[in-house]
All heavy atoms as atom14 arrays in JSON, in Angstrom:
{
  "sequence": "LDTSNGPDLHVWITDRRSGGDCEGCFGSWGIYDDGDY",
  "atom14_mask": [
    [1, 1, 1, 1, 1, 1, 1, 1, 0, 0, 0, 0, 0, 0],
    [1, 1, 1, 1, 1, 1, 1, 1, 0, 0, 0, 0, 0, 0],
    [1, 1, 1, 1, 1, 1, 1, 0, 0, 0, 0, 0, 0, 0],
    [1, 1, 1, 1, 1, 1, 0, 0, 0, 0, 0, 0, 0, 0],
    [1, 1, 1, 1, 1, 1, 1, 1, 0, 0, 0, 0, 0, 0],
    [1, 1, 1, 1, 0, 0, 0, 0, 0, 0, 0, 0, 0, 0],
    [1, 1, 1, 1, 1, 1, 1, 0, 0, 0, 0, 0, 0, 0],
    [1, 1, 1, 1, 1, 1, 1, 1, 0, 0, 0, 0, 0, 0],
    [1, 1, 1, 1, 1, 1, 1, 1, 0, 0, 0, 0, 0, 0],
    [1, 1, 1, 1, 1, 1, 1, 1, 1, 1, 0, 0, 0, 0],
    [1, 1, 1, 1, 1, 1, 1, 0, 0, 0, 0, 0, 0, 0],
    [1, 1, 1, 1, 1, 1, 1, 1, 1, 1, 1, 1, 1, 1],
    [1, 1, 1, 1, 1, 1, 1, 1, 0, 0, 0, 0, 0, 0],
    [1, 1, 1, 1, 1, 1, 1, 0, 0, 0, 0, 0, 0, 0],
    [1, 1, 1, 1, 1, 1, 1, 1, 0, 0, 0, 0, 0, 0],
    [1, 1, 1, 1, 1, 1, 1, 1, 1, 1, 1, 0, 0, 0],
    [1, 1, 1, 1, 1, 1, 1, 1, 1, 1, 1, 0, 0, 0],
    [1, 1, 1, 1, 1, 1, 0, 0, 0, 0, 0, 0, 0, 0],
    [1, 1, 1, 1, 0, 0, 0, 0, 0, 0, 0, 0, 0, 0],
    [1, 1, 1, 1, 0, 0, 0, 0, 0, 0, 0, 0, 0, 0],
    [1, 1, 1, 1, 1, 1, 1, 1, 0, 0, 0, 0, 0, 0],
    [1, 1, 1, 1, 1, 1, 0, 0, 0, 0, 0, 0, 0, 0],
    [1, 1, 1, 1, 1, 1, 1, 1, 1, 0, 0, 0, 0, 0],
    [1, 1, 1, 1, 0, 0, 0, 0, 0, 0, 0, 0, 0, 0],
    [1, 1, 1, 1, 1, 1, 0, 0, 0, 0, 0, 0, 0, 0],
    [1, 1, 1, 1, 1, 1, 1, 1, 1, 1, 1, 0, 0, 0],
    [1, 1, 1, 1, 0, 0, 0, 0, 0, 0, 0, 0, 0, 0],
    [1, 1, 1, 1, 1, 1, 0, 0, 0, 0, 0, 0, 0, 0],
    [1, 1, 1, 1, 1, 1, 1, 1, 1, 1, 1, 1, 1, 1],
    [1, 1, 1, 1, 0, 0, 0, 0, 0, 0, 0, 0, 0, 0],
    [1, 1, 1, 1, 1, 1, 1, 1, 0, 0, 0, 0, 0, 0],
    [1, 1, 1, 1, 1, 1, 1, 1, 1, 1, 1, 1, 0, 0],
    [1, 1, 1, 1, 1, 1, 1, 1, 0, 0, 0, 0, 0, 0],
    [1, 1, 1, 1, 1, 1, 1, 1, 0, 0, 0, 0, 0, 0],
    [1, 1, 1, 1, 0, 0, 0, 0, 0, 0, 0, 0, 0, 0],
    [1, 1, 1, 1, 1, 1, 1, 1, 0, 0, 0, 0, 0, 0],
    [1, 1, 1, 1, 1, 1, 1, 1, 1, 1, 1, 1, 0, 0]
  ],
  "atom14_positions": [
    [[90.13, 82.07, 56.1], [91.03, 83.23, 56.03], [90.67, 84.23, 57.12], [89.5, 84.51, 57.35], [90.94, 83.91, 54.66], [91.81, 85.16, 54.5], [93.29, 84.78, 54.51], [91.45, 85.91, 53.23], [0.0, 0.0, 0.0], [0.0, 0.0, 0.0], [0.0, 0.0, 0.0], [0.0, 0.0, 0.0], [0.0, 0.0, 0.0], [0.0, 0.0, 0.0]],
    [[91.68, 84.76, 57.77], [91.49, 85.83, 58.75], [92.71, 86.74, 58.67], [93.82, 86.35, 59.05], [91.34, 85.26, 60.17], [90.94, 86.32, 61.18], [90.66, 87.48, 60.78], [90.89, 85.99, 62.38], [0.0, 0.0, 0.0], [0.0, 0.0, 0.0], [0.0, 0.0, 0.0], [0.0, 0.0, 0.0], [0.0, 0.0, 0.0], [0.0, 0.0, 0.0]],
    [[92.51, 87.94, 58.14], [93.57, 88.93, 58.04], [92.96, 90.3, 58.3], [91.75, 90.42, 58.45], [94.27, 88.88, 56.66], [95.44, 89.7, 56.69], [93.36, 89.31, 55.53], [0.0, 0.0, 0.0], [0.0, 0.0, 0.0], [0.0, 0.0, 0.0], [0.0, 0.0, 0.0], [0.0, 0.0, 0.0], [0.0, 0.0, 0.0], [0.0, 0.0, 0.0]],
    [[93.78, 91.31, 58.35], [93.29, 92.67, 58.52], [92.62, 93.12, 57.23], [93.01, 92.71, 56.14], [94.44, 93.63, 58.82], [95.07, 93.3, 60.02], [0.0, 0.0, 0.0], [0.0, 0.0, 0.0], [0.0, 0.0, 0.0], [0.0, 0.0, 0.0], [0.0, 0.0, 0.0], [0.0, 0.0, 0.0], [0.0, 0.0, 0.0], [0.0, 0.0, 0.0]],
    [[91.64, 93.97, 57.37], [91.07, 94.6, 56.2], [91.99, 95.74, 55.8], [92.78, 96.22, 56.61], [89.67, 95.13, 56.51], [88.8, 95.25, 55.28], [89.29, 95.19, 54.17], [87.52, 95.44, 55.49], [0.0, 0.0, 0.0], [0.0, 0.0, 0.0], [0.0, 0.0, 0.0], [0.0, 0.0, 0.0], [0.0, 0.0, 0.0], [0.0, 0.0, 0.0]],
    [[91.93, 96.15, 54.59], [92.78, 97.24, 54.14], [92.38, 97.71, 52.76], [91.54, 97.1, 52.1], [0.0, 0.0, 0.0], [0.0, 0.0, 0.0], [0.0, 0.0, 0.0], [0.0, 0.0, 0.0], [0.0, 0.0, 0.0], [0.0, 0.0, 0.0], [0.0, 0.0, 0.0], [0.0, 0.0, 0.0], [0.0, 0.0, 0.0], [0.0, 0.0, 0.0]],
    [[92.99, 98.77, 52.31], [92.65, 99.29, 50.99], [93.34, 98.5, 49.88], [94.47, 98.08, 50.02], [93.19, 100.73, 51.03], [94.34, 100.66, 51.99], [93.95, 99.62, 53.02], [0.0, 0.0, 0.0], [0.0, 0.0, 0.0], [0.0, 0.0, 0.0], [0.0, 0.0, 0.0], [0.0, 0.0, 0.0], [0.0, 0.0, 0.0], [0.0, 0.0, 0.0]],
    [[92.62, 98.26, 48.81], [93.2, 97.73, 47.57], [93.89, 96.37, 47.76], [95.02, 96.17, 47.3], [94.17, 98.76, 47.0], [94.31, 98.7, 45.49], [93.47, 98.04, 44.85], [95.26, 99.28, 44.96], [0.0, 0.0, 0.0], [0.0, 0.0, 0.0], [0.0, 0.0, 0.0], [0.0, 0.0, 0.0], [0.0, 0.0, 0.0], [0.0, 0.0, 0.0]],
    [[93.23, 95.43, 48.45], [93.8, 94.11, 48.69], [93.49, 93.16, 47.53], [92.38, 93.16, 46.99], [93.25, 93.51, 49.98], [93.62, 94.24, 51.26], [93.01, 93.54, 52.47], [95.12, 94.36, 51.41], [0.0, 0.0, 0.0], [0.0, 0.0, 0.0], [0.0, 0.0, 0.0], [0.0, 0.0, 0.0], [0.0, 0.0, 0.0], [0.0, 0.0, 0.0]],
    [[94.48, 92.36, 47.16], [94.36, 91.43, 46.04], [94.95, 90.08, 46.41], [95.7, 89.96, 47.38], [95.09, 91.99, 44.81], [94.51, 93.27, 44.33], [93.5, 93.33, 43.4], [94.75, 94.56, 44.69], [93.16, 94.58, 43.2], [93.91, 95.36, 43.97], [0.0, 0.0, 0.0], [0.0, 0.0, 0.0], [0.0, 0.0, 0.0], [0.0, 0.0, 0.0]],
    [[94.62, 89.07, 45.6], [95.16, 87.72, 45.78], [96.07, 87.42, 44.6], [95.66, 87.55, 43.45], [94.02, 86.68, 45.86], [94.58, 85.28, 46.05], [93.04, 87.04, 46.97], [0.0, 0.0, 0.0], [0.0, 0.0, 0.0], [0.0, 0.0, 0.0], [0.0, 0.0, 0.0], [0.0, 0.0, 0.0], [0.0, 0.0, 0.0], [0.0, 0.0, 0.0]],
    [[97.31, 87.05, 44.91], [98.31, 86.73, 43.9], [98.93, 85.37, 44.17], [99.01, 84.93, 45.32], [99.45, 87.74, 43.92], [99.16, 89.13, 43.48], [97.95, 89.67, 43.13], [100.12, 90.18, 43.36], [98.12, 90.98, 42.8], [99.43, 91.32, 42.92], [101.48, 90.26, 43.56], [100.06, 92.54, 42.69], [102.11, 91.47, 43.33], [101.41, 92.59, 42.9]],
    [[99.44, 84.75, 43.1], [100.35, 83.61, 43.22], [101.68, 84.13, 42.67], [101.72, 84.7, 41.58], [99.86, 82.4, 42.39], [98.47, 81.96, 42.88], [100.85, 81.26, 42.48], [97.84, 80.87, 42.02], [0.0, 0.0, 0.0], [0.0, 0.0, 0.0], [0.0, 0.0, 0.0], [0.0, 0.0, 0.0], [0.0, 0.0, 0.0], [0.0, 0.0, 0.0]],
    [[102.77, 83.99, 43.44], [104.04, 84.61, 43.07], [105.21, 83.63, 43.04], [105.13, 82.54, 43.6], [104.42, 85.75, 44.06], [104.88, 85.17, 45.27], [103.25, 86.65, 44.33], [0.0, 0.0, 0.0], [0.0, 0.0, 0.0], [0.0, 0.0, 0.0], [0.0, 0.0, 0.0], [0.0, 0.0, 0.0], [0.0, 0.0, 0.0], [0.0, 0.0, 0.0]],
    [[106.29, 84.1, 42.43], [107.51, 83.3, 42.38], [108.44, 83.59, 43.57], [109.55, 83.08, 43.62], [108.26, 83.5, 41.06], [108.83, 84.9, 40.91], [108.45, 85.81, 41.68], [109.66, 85.1, 40.0], [0.0, 0.0, 0.0], [0.0, 0.0, 0.0], [0.0, 0.0, 0.0], [0.0, 0.0, 0.0], [0.0, 0.0, 0.0], [0.0, 0.0, 0.0]],
    [[107.99, 84.41, 44.5], [108.78, 84.73, 45.7], [108.4, 83.77, 46.82], [107.25, 83.4, 46.97], [108.55, 86.17, 46.15], [108.88, 87.2, 45.1], [110.34, 87.15, 44.8], [110.67, 88.05, 43.7], [111.87, 88.48, 43.45], [112.88, 88.09, 44.17], [112.09, 89.29, 42.45], [0.0, 0.0, 0.0], [0.0, 0.0, 0.0], [0.0, 0.0, 0.0]],
    [[109.38, 83.43, 47.62], [109.11, 82.48, 48.71], [108.24, 83.13, 49.79], [108.32, 84.33, 50.02], [110.4, 81.93, 49.29], [111.24, 82.92, 50.06], [112.53, 82.24, 50.56], [113.35, 83.18, 51.27], [113.25, 83.45, 52.57], [112.36, 82.82, 53.29], [114.04, 84.33, 53.14], [0.0, 0.0, 0.0], [0.0, 0.0, 0.0], [0.0, 0.0, 0.0]],
    [[107.47, 82.32, 50.44], [106.65, 82.78, 51.55], [107.56, 83.18, 52.71], [108.62, 82.58, 52.91], [105.72, 81.65, 51.99], [104.93, 82.04, 53.08], [0.0, 0.0, 0.0], [0.0, 0.0, 0.0], [0.0, 0.0, 0.0], [0.0, 0.0, 0.0], [0.0, 0.0, 0.0], [0.0, 0.0, 0.0], [0.0, 0.0, 0.0], [0.0, 0.0, 0.0]],
    [[107.18, 84.17, 53.44], [107.96, 84.58, 54.61], [108.8, 85.8, 54.37], [109.6, 86.18, 55.21], [0.0, 0.0, 0.0], [0.0, 0.0, 0.0], [0.0, 0.0, 0.0], [0.0, 0.0, 0.0], [0.0, 0.0, 0.0], [0.0, 0.0, 0.0], [0.0, 0.0, 0.0], [0.0, 0.0, 0.0], [0.0, 0.0, 0.0], [0.0, 0.0, 0.0]],
    [[108.65, 86.43, 53.22], [109.42, 87.64, 52.95], [110.84, 87.33, 52.55], [111.19, 86.21, 52.19], [0.0, 0.0, 0.0], [0.0, 0.0, 0.0], [0.0, 0.0, 0.0], [0.0, 0.0, 0.0], [0.0, 0.0, 0.0], [0.0, 0.0, 0.0], [0.0, 0.0, 0.0], [0.0, 0.0, 0.0], [0.0, 0.0, 0.0], [0.0, 0.0, 0.0]],
    [[111.66, 88.36, 52.61], [113.05, 88.24, 52.21], [113.9, 88.61, 53.42], [113.49, 89.39, 54.26], [113.32, 89.2, 51.05], [114.64, 88.94, 50.36], [115.19, 87.85, 50.53], [115.1, 89.85, 49.66], [0.0, 0.0, 0.0], [0.0, 0.0, 0.0], [0.0, 0.0, 0.0], [0.0, 0.0, 0.0], [0.0, 0.0, 0.0], [0.0, 0.0, 0.0]],
    [[115.05, 88.1, 53.51], [116.03, 88.4, 54.56], [115.44, 88.25, 55.97], [115.69, 89.06, 56.84], [116.67, 89.78, 54.37], [115.54, 91.18, 54.37], [0.0, 0.0, 0.0], [0.0, 0.0, 0.0], [0.0, 0.0, 0.0], [0.0, 0.0, 0.0], [0.0, 0.0, 0.0], [0.0, 0.0, 0.0], [0.0, 0.0, 0.0], [0.0, 0.0, 0.0]],
    [[114.66, 87.21, 56.15], [114.13, 86.83, 57.47], [113.48, 87.99, 58.22], [113.76, 88.25, 59.38], [115.23, 86.2, 58.33], [115.84, 84.96, 57.72], [114.83, 83.86, 57.47], [113.92, 83.66, 58.27], [114.96, 83.2, 56.41], [0.0, 0.0, 0.0], [0.0, 0.0, 0.0], [0.0, 0.0, 0.0], [0.0, 0.0, 0.0], [0.0, 0.0, 0.0]],
    [[112.62, 88.73, 57.52], [111.83, 89.75, 58.19], [112.52, 91.1, 58.34], [112.03, 91.95, 59.07], [0.0, 0.0, 0.0], [0.0, 0.0, 0.0], [0.0, 0.0, 0.0], [0.0, 0.0, 0.0], [0.0, 0.0, 0.0], [0.0, 0.0, 0.0], [0.0, 0.0, 0.0], [0.0, 0.0, 0.0], [0.0, 0.0, 0.0], [0.0, 0.0, 0.0]],
    [[113.64, 91.31, 57.65], [114.3, 92.61, 57.76], [113.42, 93.7, 57.15], [112.44, 93.42, 56.48], [115.67, 92.59, 57.08], [115.61, 92.35, 55.3], [0.0, 0.0, 0.0], [0.0, 0.0, 0.0], [0.0, 0.0, 0.0], [0.0, 0.0, 0.0], [0.0, 0.0, 0.0], [0.0, 0.0, 0.0], [0.0, 0.0, 0.0], [0.0, 0.0, 0.0]],
    [[113.77, 94.94, 57.37], [112.99, 96.07, 56.88], [112.77, 95.95, 55.37], [113.69, 95.7, 54.62], [113.71, 97.39, 57.18], [112.94, 98.59, 56.72], [111.84, 99.02, 57.43], [113.3, 99.25, 55.56], [111.11, 100.11, 57.0], [112.58, 100.35, 55.13], [111.48, 100.78, 55.84], [0.0, 0.0, 0.0], [0.0, 0.0, 0.0], [0.0, 0.0, 0.0]],
    [[111.52, 96.1, 54.97], [111.19, 96.03, 53.55], [111.02, 94.63, 53.0], [110.82, 94.44, 51.81], [0.0, 0.0, 0.0], [0.0, 0.0, 0.0], [0.0, 0.0, 0.0], [0.0, 0.0, 0.0], [0.0, 0.0, 0.0], [0.0, 0.0, 0.0], [0.0, 0.0, 0.0], [0.0, 0.0, 0.0], [0.0, 0.0, 0.0], [0.0, 0.0, 0.0]],
    [[111.09, 93.61, 53.85], [111.05, 92.24, 53.34], [109.67, 91.83, 52.85], [109.56, 90.84, 52.13], [111.53, 91.27, 54.42], [110.59, 91.18, 55.46], [0.0, 0.0, 0.0], [0.0, 0.0, 0.0], [0.0, 0.0, 0.0], [0.0, 0.0, 0.0], [0.0, 0.0, 0.0], [0.0, 0.0, 0.0], [0.0, 0.0, 0.0], [0.0, 0.0, 0.0]],
    [[108.62, 92.55, 53.18], [107.28, 92.17, 52.76], [106.84, 92.88, 51.49], [105.72, 92.72, 51.04], [106.28, 92.42, 53.88], [106.6, 91.6, 55.08], [107.03, 92.05, 56.29], [106.56, 90.18, 55.18], [107.25, 90.99, 57.13], [106.97, 89.82, 56.48], [106.23, 89.16, 54.3], [107.04, 88.51, 56.91], [106.3, 87.85, 54.73], [106.7, 87.55, 56.03]],
    [[107.73, 93.66, 50.87], [107.38, 94.37, 49.66], [107.97, 93.76, 48.41], [107.96, 94.37, 47.36], [0.0, 0.0, 0.0], [0.0, 0.0, 0.0], [0.0, 0.0, 0.0], [0.0, 0.0, 0.0], [0.0, 0.0, 0.0], [0.0, 0.0, 0.0], [0.0, 0.0, 0.0], [0.0, 0.0, 0.0], [0.0, 0.0, 0.0], [0.0, 0.0, 0.0]],
    [[108.47, 92.52, 48.49], [109.2, 91.91, 47.37], [108.3, 91.19, 46.37], [108.77, 90.82, 45.31], [110.23, 90.89, 47.89], [109.52, 89.73, 48.6], [111.26, 91.57, 48.78], [110.4, 88.54, 48.89], [0.0, 0.0, 0.0], [0.0, 0.0, 0.0], [0.0, 0.0, 0.0], [0.0, 0.0, 0.0], [0.0, 0.0, 0.0], [0.0, 0.0, 0.0]],
    [[107.05, 90.98, 46.68], [106.22, 90.08, 45.9], [105.84, 90.61, 44.52], [105.42, 89.85, 43.67], [104.99, 89.66, 46.7], [105.41, 88.84, 47.89], [105.62, 89.42, 49.13], [105.69, 87.49, 47.74], [106.05, 88.67, 50.2], [106.13, 86.73, 48.81], [106.31, 87.33, 50.04], [106.76, 86.59, 51.09], [0.0, 0.0, 0.0], [0.0, 0.0, 0.0]],
    [[106.01, 91.9, 44.28], [105.76, 92.44, 42.95], [107.05, 92.62, 42.16], [107.05, 93.19, 41.07], [104.97, 93.75, 43.01], [105.7, 94.86, 43.74], [106.72, 94.58, 44.4], [105.26, 96.01, 43.64], [0.0, 0.0, 0.0], [0.0, 0.0, 0.0], [0.0, 0.0, 0.0], [0.0, 0.0, 0.0], [0.0, 0.0, 0.0], [0.0, 0.0, 0.0]],
    [[108.17, 92.11, 42.68], [109.47, 92.25, 42.02], [109.72, 91.18, 40.97], [110.6, 91.33, 40.14], [110.61, 92.22, 43.04], [110.58, 93.41, 43.98], [109.91, 94.4, 43.66], [111.23, 93.34, 45.04], [0.0, 0.0, 0.0], [0.0, 0.0, 0.0], [0.0, 0.0, 0.0], [0.0, 0.0, 0.0], [0.0, 0.0, 0.0], [0.0, 0.0, 0.0]],
    [[108.99, 90.1, 41.02], [109.23, 89.0, 40.08], [107.96, 88.69, 39.29], [107.17, 89.57, 38.97], [0.0, 0.0, 0.0], [0.0, 0.0, 0.0], [0.0, 0.0, 0.0], [0.0, 0.0, 0.0], [0.0, 0.0, 0.0], [0.0, 0.0, 0.0], [0.0, 0.0, 0.0], [0.0, 0.0, 0.0], [0.0, 0.0, 0.0], [0.0, 0.0, 0.0]],
    [[107.77, 87.4, 39.01], [106.57, 86.96, 38.3], [105.44, 86.71, 39.28], [105.67, 86.22, 40.4], [106.87, 85.66, 37.54], [107.8, 85.87, 36.36], [107.79, 86.98, 35.79], [108.54, 84.93, 36.01], [0.0, 0.0, 0.0], [0.0, 0.0, 0.0], [0.0, 0.0, 0.0], [0.0, 0.0, 0.0], [0.0, 0.0, 0.0], [0.0, 0.0, 0.0]],
    [[104.25, 87.0, 38.84], [103.07, 86.73, 39.66], [101.85, 86.61, 38.77], [101.82, 87.1, 37.65], [102.86, 87.79, 40.74], [102.91, 89.21, 40.25], [101.77, 89.86, 39.8], [104.11, 89.92, 40.24], [101.82, 91.18, 39.35], [104.16, 91.23, 39.81], [103.01, 91.85, 39.37], [103.06, 93.14, 38.92], [0.0, 0.0, 0.0], [0.0, 0.0, 0.0]]
  ]
}
């Protein structure tokens, strides 16, 4: 694993597809807490 460090990082398994929503449009990386995880 190699990612940026940051505050309050966690590991989840989610029902959202990898790659965000709407092909990278604004806000597409904030969807992962909208469903089951």
